[in-house]
C-alpha atoms as a PDB file:
ATOM      1  CA  MET A   1       0.119   0.517   0.139  1.00  0.00           C
ATOM      2  CA  GLN A   2       1.139   2.995  -1.257  1.00  0.00           C
ATOM      3  CA  LYS A   3       1.659   6.197   1.566  1.00  0.00           C
ATOM      4  CA  LYS A   4      -0.288  10.115   0.356  1.00  0.00           C
ATOM      5  CA  PHE A   5      -0.505  12.972   2.729  1.00  0.00           C
ATOM      6  CA  SER A   6      -3.822  12.811   3.952  1.00  0.00           C
ATOM      7  CA  HIS A   7      -4.069  15.852   4.055  1.00  0.00           C
ATOM      8  CA  LEU A   8      -5.246  15.921   0.971  1.00  0.00           C
ATOM      9  CA  ASP A   9      -7.697  14.862  -1.382  1.00  0.00           C
ATOM     10  CA  GLN A  10      -8.634  12.506  -4.592  1.00  0.00           C
ATOM     11  CA  ASP A  11      -8.595  15.541  -6.555  1.00  0.00           C
ATOM     12  CA  ASN A  12      -4.552  16.672  -4.442  1.00  0.00           C
ATOM     13  CA  ARG A  13      -6.039  19.675  -3.477  1.00  0.00           C
ATOM     14  CA  PRO A  14      -6.330  20.783   0.408  1.00  0.00           C
ATOM     15  CA  ALA A  15      -9.001  19.079   2.800  1.00  0.00           C
ATOM     16  CA  MET A  16      -9.306  18.986   6.315  1.00  0.00           C
ATOM     17  CA  VAL A  17      -8.947  14.936   7.432  1.00  0.00           C
ATOM     18  CA  ASP A  18     -12.151  13.404   8.124  1.00  0.00           C
ATOM     19  CA  VAL A  19     -12.161  11.564  11.404  1.00  0.00           C
ATOM     20  CA  GLY A  20     -16.099  10.883  10.722  1.00  0.00           C
ATOM     21  CA  GLY A  21     -15.181   6.674  10.990  1.00  0.00           C
ATOM     22  CA  LYS A  22     -12.486   6.738  14.217  1.00  0.00           C
ATOM     23  CA  ALA A  23     -12.822   4.793  17.210  1.00  0.00           C
ATOM     24  CA  VAL A  24     -12.646   7.093  20.103  1.00  0.00           C
ATOM     25  CA  THR A  25      -9.559   6.451  21.878  1.00  0.00           C
ATOM     26  CA  LEU A  26      -7.007   7.526  24.659  1.00  0.00           C
ATOM     27  CA  ARG A  27      -4.598   9.730  22.838  1.00  0.00           C
ATOM     28  CA  THR A  28      -1.061  11.262  23.333  1.00  0.00           C
ATOM     29  CA  ALA A  29       1.836  13.007  22.274  1.00  0.00           C
ATOM     30  CA  LYS A  30       4.548  15.216  23.662  1.00  0.00           C
ATOM     31  CA  ALA A  31       6.815  17.234  21.963  1.00  0.00           C
ATOM     32  CA  ARG A  32       9.020  19.110  22.687  1.00  0.00           C
ATOM     33  CA  SER A  33      12.321  22.280  21.965  1.00  0.00           C
ATOM     34  CA  ILE A  34      15.290  22.724  22.617  1.00  0.00           C
ATOM     35  CA  VAL A  35      16.501  26.807  22.861  1.00  0.00           C
ATOM     36  CA  VAL A  36      20.130  27.920  22.976  1.00  0.00           C
ATOM     37  CA  LEU A  37      21.153  30.444  25.267  1.00  0.00           C
ATOM     38  CA  GLY A  38      23.812  31.360  26.079  1.00  0.00           C
ATOM     39  CA  ASP A  39      26.018  33.151  28.759  1.00  0.00           C
ATOM     40  CA  GLU A  40      24.979  36.076  28.026  1.00  0.00           C
ATOM     41  CA  ILE A  41      21.580  35.497  30.142  1.00  0.00           C
ATOM     42  CA  MET A  42      22.468  32.204  31.073  1.00  0.00           C
ATOM     43  CA  GLN A  43      24.614  34.588  33.898  1.00  0.00           C
ATOM     44  CA  HIS A  44      20.941  35.629  34.744  1.00  0.00           C
ATOM     45  CA  LEU A  45      19.888  32.083  35.769  1.00  0.00           C
ATOM     46  CA  GLU A  46      18.068  32.064  39.522  1.00  0.00           C
ATOM     47  CA  GLY A  47      16.412  29.357  40.883  1.00  0.00           C
ATOM     48  CA  GLY A  48      15.324  27.366  38.094  1.00  0.00           C
ATOM     49  CA  ASP A  49      14.177  31.209  35.669  1.00  0.00           C
ATOM     50  CA  ILE A  50      15.490  33.793  34.698  1.00  0.00           C
ATOM     51  CA  GLN A  51      14.091  37.696  35.585  1.00  0.00           C
ATOM     52  CA  THR A  52      13.379  40.081  33.352  1.00  0.00           C
ATOM     53  CA  LYS A  53      11.278  43.495  33.214  1.00  0.00           C
ATOM     54  CA  LYS A  54       8.980  41.144  31.851  1.00  0.00           C
ATOM     55  CA  GLY A  55       8.640  39.262  34.715  1.00  0.00           C
ATOM     56  CA  ALA A  56      10.005  35.225  34.621  1.00  0.00           C
ATOM     57  CA  VAL A  57      10.763  33.990  31.545  1.00  0.00           C
ATOM     58  CA  PHE A  58       9.583  30.262  31.932  1.00  0.00           C
ATOM     59  CA  GLN A  59       6.601  30.491  33.765  1.00  0.00           C
ATOM     60  CA  THR A  60       5.330  32.906  31.406  1.00  0.00           C
ATOM     61  CA  ALA A  61       6.545  30.945  28.621  1.00  0.00           C
ATOM     62  CA  ILE A  62       4.536  27.711  29.990  1.00  0.00           C
ATOM     63  CA  ILE A  63       1.526  29.358  30.076  1.00  0.00           C
ATOM     64  CA  ALA A  64       1.363  30.887  27.030  1.00  0.00           C
ATOM     65  CA  GLY A  65       2.772  26.723  25.713  1.00  0.00           C
ATOM     66  CA  VAL A  66      -0.889  25.455  27.305  1.00  0.00           C
ATOM     67  CA  MET A  67      -1.738  28.907  25.692  1.00  0.00           C
ATOM     68  CA  ALA A  68      -0.961  28.212  22.319  1.00  0.00           C
ATOM     69  CA  ALA A  69      -2.060  24.271  22.071  1.00  0.00           C
ATOM     70  CA  LYS A  70      -5.202  25.060  22.675  1.00  0.00           C
ATOM     71  CA  LYS A  71      -5.434  27.646  20.139  1.00  0.00           C
ATOM     72  CA  THR A  72      -3.054  25.189  17.059  1.00  0.00           C
ATOM     73  CA  SER A  73      -6.838  24.730  15.243  1.00  0.00           C
ATOM     74  CA  GLU A  74      -6.612  28.709  14.637  1.00  0.00           C
ATOM     75  CA  LEU A  75      -3.072  29.163  13.349  1.00  0.00           C
ATOM     76  CA  ILE A  76      -3.150  25.929  11.193  1.00  0.00           C
ATOM     77  CA  PRO A  77      -5.361  25.515   8.940  1.00  0.00           C
ATOM     78  CA  LEU A  78      -6.685  22.299   8.582  1.00  0.00           C
ATOM     79  CA  CYS A  79      -7.062  20.647  12.112  1.00  0.00           C
ATOM     80  CA  HIS A  80      -9.128  19.609  14.042  1.00  0.00           C
ATOM     81  CA  PRO A  81     -10.629  22.356  16.915  1.00  0.00           C
ATOM     82  CA  LEU A  82      -9.860  20.265  20.330  1.00  0.00           C
ATOM     83  CA  GLY A  83     -10.758  20.130  23.420  1.00  0.00           C
ATOM     84  CA  LEU A  84      -8.331  18.948  25.388  1.00  0.00           C
ATOM     85  CA  ASP A  85      -7.819  16.683  28.757  1.00  0.00           C
ATOM     86  CA  ASP A  86      -4.795  18.242  29.536  1.00  0.00           C
ATOM     87  CA  CYS A  87      -1.670  19.894  28.733  1.00  0.00           C
ATOM     88  CA  GLN A  88       1.155  20.924  30.433  1.00  0.00           C
ATOM     89  CA  VAL A  89       5.227  22.888  29.415  1.00  0.00           C
ATOM     90  CA  ARG A  90       8.486  21.595  31.032  1.00  0.00           C
ATOM     91  CA  ILE A  91      10.994  23.756  30.824  1.00  0.00           C
ATOM     92  CA  SER A  92      14.543  22.609  31.900  1.00  0.00           C
ATOM     93  CA  VAL A  93      17.640  23.926  31.951  1.00  0.00           C
ATOM     94  CA  THR A  94      19.389  20.168  30.590  1.00  0.00           C
ATOM     95  CA  ASN A  95      23.079  22.414  30.357  1.00  0.00           C
ATOM     96  CA  ALA A  96      25.524  26.207  30.717  1.00  0.00           C
ATOM     97  CA  LYS A  97      23.366  27.154  27.275  1.00  0.00           C
ATOM     98  CA  GLU A  98      20.476  25.349  27.052  1.00  0.00           C
ATOM     99  CA  VAL A  99      16.831  24.883  27.806  1.00  0.00           C
ATOM    100  CA  LEU A 100      14.572  21.889  27.295  1.00  0.00           C
ATOM    101  CA  VAL A 101      10.315  22.692  26.294  1.00  0.00           C
ATOM    102  CA  GLU A 102       8.512  19.680  26.651  1.00  0.00           C
ATOM    103  CA  CYS A 103       4.816  19.617  25.568  1.00  0.00           C
ATOM    104  CA  THR A 104       2.369  16.738  26.500  1.00  0.00           C
ATOM    105  CA  CYS A 105      -1.140  16.706  25.487  1.00  0.00           C
ATOM    106  CA  LYS A 106      -3.583  14.840  26.132  1.00  0.00           C
ATOM    107  CA  LEU A 107      -6.867  13.739  24.672  1.00  0.00           C
ATOM    108  CA  THR A 108      -9.824  11.455  24.651  1.00  0.00           C
ATOM    109  CA  ALA A 109     -11.060  11.628  20.628  1.00  0.00           C
ATOM    110  CA  LYS A 110     -11.046  10.914  17.250  1.00  0.00           C
ATOM    111  CA  THR A 111      -7.880  12.058  16.017  1.00  0.00           C
ATOM    112  CA  GLY A 112      -4.516  13.260  17.406  1.00  0.00           C
ATOM    113  CA  VAL A 113      -2.394  15.473  19.579  1.00  0.00           C
ATOM    114  CA  GLU A 114       0.666  16.147  17.569  1.00  0.00           C
ATOM    115  CA  MET A 115       0.773  19.445  16.900  1.00  0.00           C
ATOM    116  CA  GLU A 116      -1.372  20.751  19.268  1.00  0.00           C
ATOM    117  CA  ALA A 117       2.007  19.590  21.848  1.00  0.00           C
ATOM    118  CA  LEU A 118       4.914  20.535  18.917  1.00  0.00           C
ATOM    119  CA  THR A 119       3.114  24.460  19.067  1.00  0.00           C
ATOM    120  CA  GLY A 120       2.220  24.631  22.892  1.00  0.00           C
ATOM    121  CA  ALA A 121       6.536  23.831  22.594  1.00  0.00           C
ATOM    122  CA  SER A 122       7.266  26.480  20.273  1.00  0.00           C
ATOM    123  CA  ILE A 123       5.399  29.082  21.213  1.00  0.00           C
ATOM    124  CA  ALA A 124       6.802  28.500  24.929  1.00  0.00           C
ATOM    125  CA  ALA A 125      10.479  29.099  23.091  1.00  0.00           C
ATOM    126  CA  LEU A 126       9.350  31.358  20.705  1.00  0.00           C
ATOM    127  CA  THR A 127       8.369  32.943  24.605  1.00  0.00           C
ATOM    128  CA  ILE A 128      11.680  32.787  25.852  1.00  0.00           C
ATOM    129  CA  TYR A 129      13.100  33.713  23.397  1.00  0.00           C
ATOM    130  CA  ASP A 130      11.300  37.286  22.921  1.00  0.00           C
ATOM    131  CA  MET A 131      11.680  38.169  26.641  1.00  0.00           C
ATOM    132  CA  CYS A 132      15.260  37.102  26.604  1.00  0.00           C
ATOM    133  CA  LYS A 133      16.240  38.806  23.050  1.00  0.00           C
ATOM    134  CA  ALA A 134      16.220  42.427  24.798  1.00  0.00           C
ATOM    135  CA  PHE A 135      20.339  40.729  26.262  1.00  0.00           C
ATOM    136  CA  SER A 136      21.197  39.449  23.000  1.00  0.00           C
ATOM    137  CA  HIS A 137      19.423  38.431  19.843  1.00  0.00           C
ATOM    138  CA  ASP A 138      22.141  35.836  19.832  1.00  0.00           C
ATOM    139  CA  ILE A 139      19.828  33.018  21.016  1.00  0.00           C
ATOM    140  CA  VAL A 140      18.501  29.066  18.471  1.00  0.00           C
ATOM    141  CA  ILE A 141      15.383  27.319  18.910  1.00  0.00           C
ATOM    142  CA  ASN A 142      17.834  24.133  17.995  1.00  0.00           C
ATOM    143  CA  GLU A 143      14.770  21.451  17.504  1.00  0.00           C
ATOM    144  CA  THR A 144      11.365  21.163  17.509  1.00  0.00           C
ATOM    145  CA  ARG A 145      10.027  17.468  16.931  1.00  0.00           C
ATOM    146  CA  LEU A 146       7.564  15.116  17.802  1.00  0.00           C
ATOM    147  CA  VAL A 147       8.997  12.656  21.158  1.00  0.00           C
ATOM    148  CA  LYS A 148       5.879  10.483  21.534  1.00  0.00           C
ATOM    149  CA  LYS A 149       2.590   9.519  20.220  1.00  0.00           C
ATOM    150  CA  THR A 150       0.103   6.937  21.617  1.00  0.00           C
ATOM    151  CA  GLY A 151      -3.475   6.125  20.395  1.00  0.00           C
ATOM    152  CA  GLY A 152      -5.133   6.714  16.782  1.00  0.00           C
ATOM    153  CA  LYS A 153      -2.983   3.798  14.167  1.00  0.00           C
ATOM    154  CA  ARG A 154      -0.042   3.732  15.082  1.00  0.00           C
ATOM    155  CA  ASP A 155       1.980   5.029  18.583  1.00  0.00           C
ATOM    156  CA  PHE A 156       5.363   6.554  18.146  1.00  0.00           C
ATOM    157  CA  GLU A 157       8.787   6.973  20.249  1.00  0.00           C
ATOM    158  CA  LEU A 158      11.506   9.340  19.438  1.00  0.00           C
ATOM    159  CA  ARG A 159      14.398   6.254  20.017  1.00  0.00           C
ATOM    160  CA  GLY A 160      18.565   7.466  20.127  1.00  0.00           C
ATOM    161  CA  GLU A 161      20.173  10.262  19.407  1.00  0.00           C
ATOM    162  CA  GLY A 162      18.348  13.559  20.198  1.00  0.00           C
ATOM    163  CA  MET A 163      16.361  11.324  22.913  1.00  0.00           C
ATOM    164  CA  GLN A 164      16.748  12.872  26.826  1.00  0.00           C
END
């Protein structure tokens, strides 16, 4: 069986996937973004967060990530609007210059929550950038990727290199 893009109809036009016939199952997804902040910014790390004139960077990014996950269908045209059962954003410092943002979403539905987790991690990372750019523009968002998903046709878990 040849794979095809799920968001194209038989005439290769963009189309929302019809999930009407799918089974309702518990679906989870976890995504991560890695933000490299550098020495100039990391020297302001105190008590597990960075304080700026705009407020606590990581705490604000957590709220932004949850808000973004809830609005994913408003940002990505063919995503189904979903009422998430849960969304958790966690931010941790992994080394002297790097911050790990993880977003985990969960719901019981006919479609998955990968895009919600990816959007939450992305927007949390962008919020960190926004709040720290006054110190330095030498900030890199290295990657945003799906780490794990369950439910639906098949489960997925990132293995090997790059797995935290």
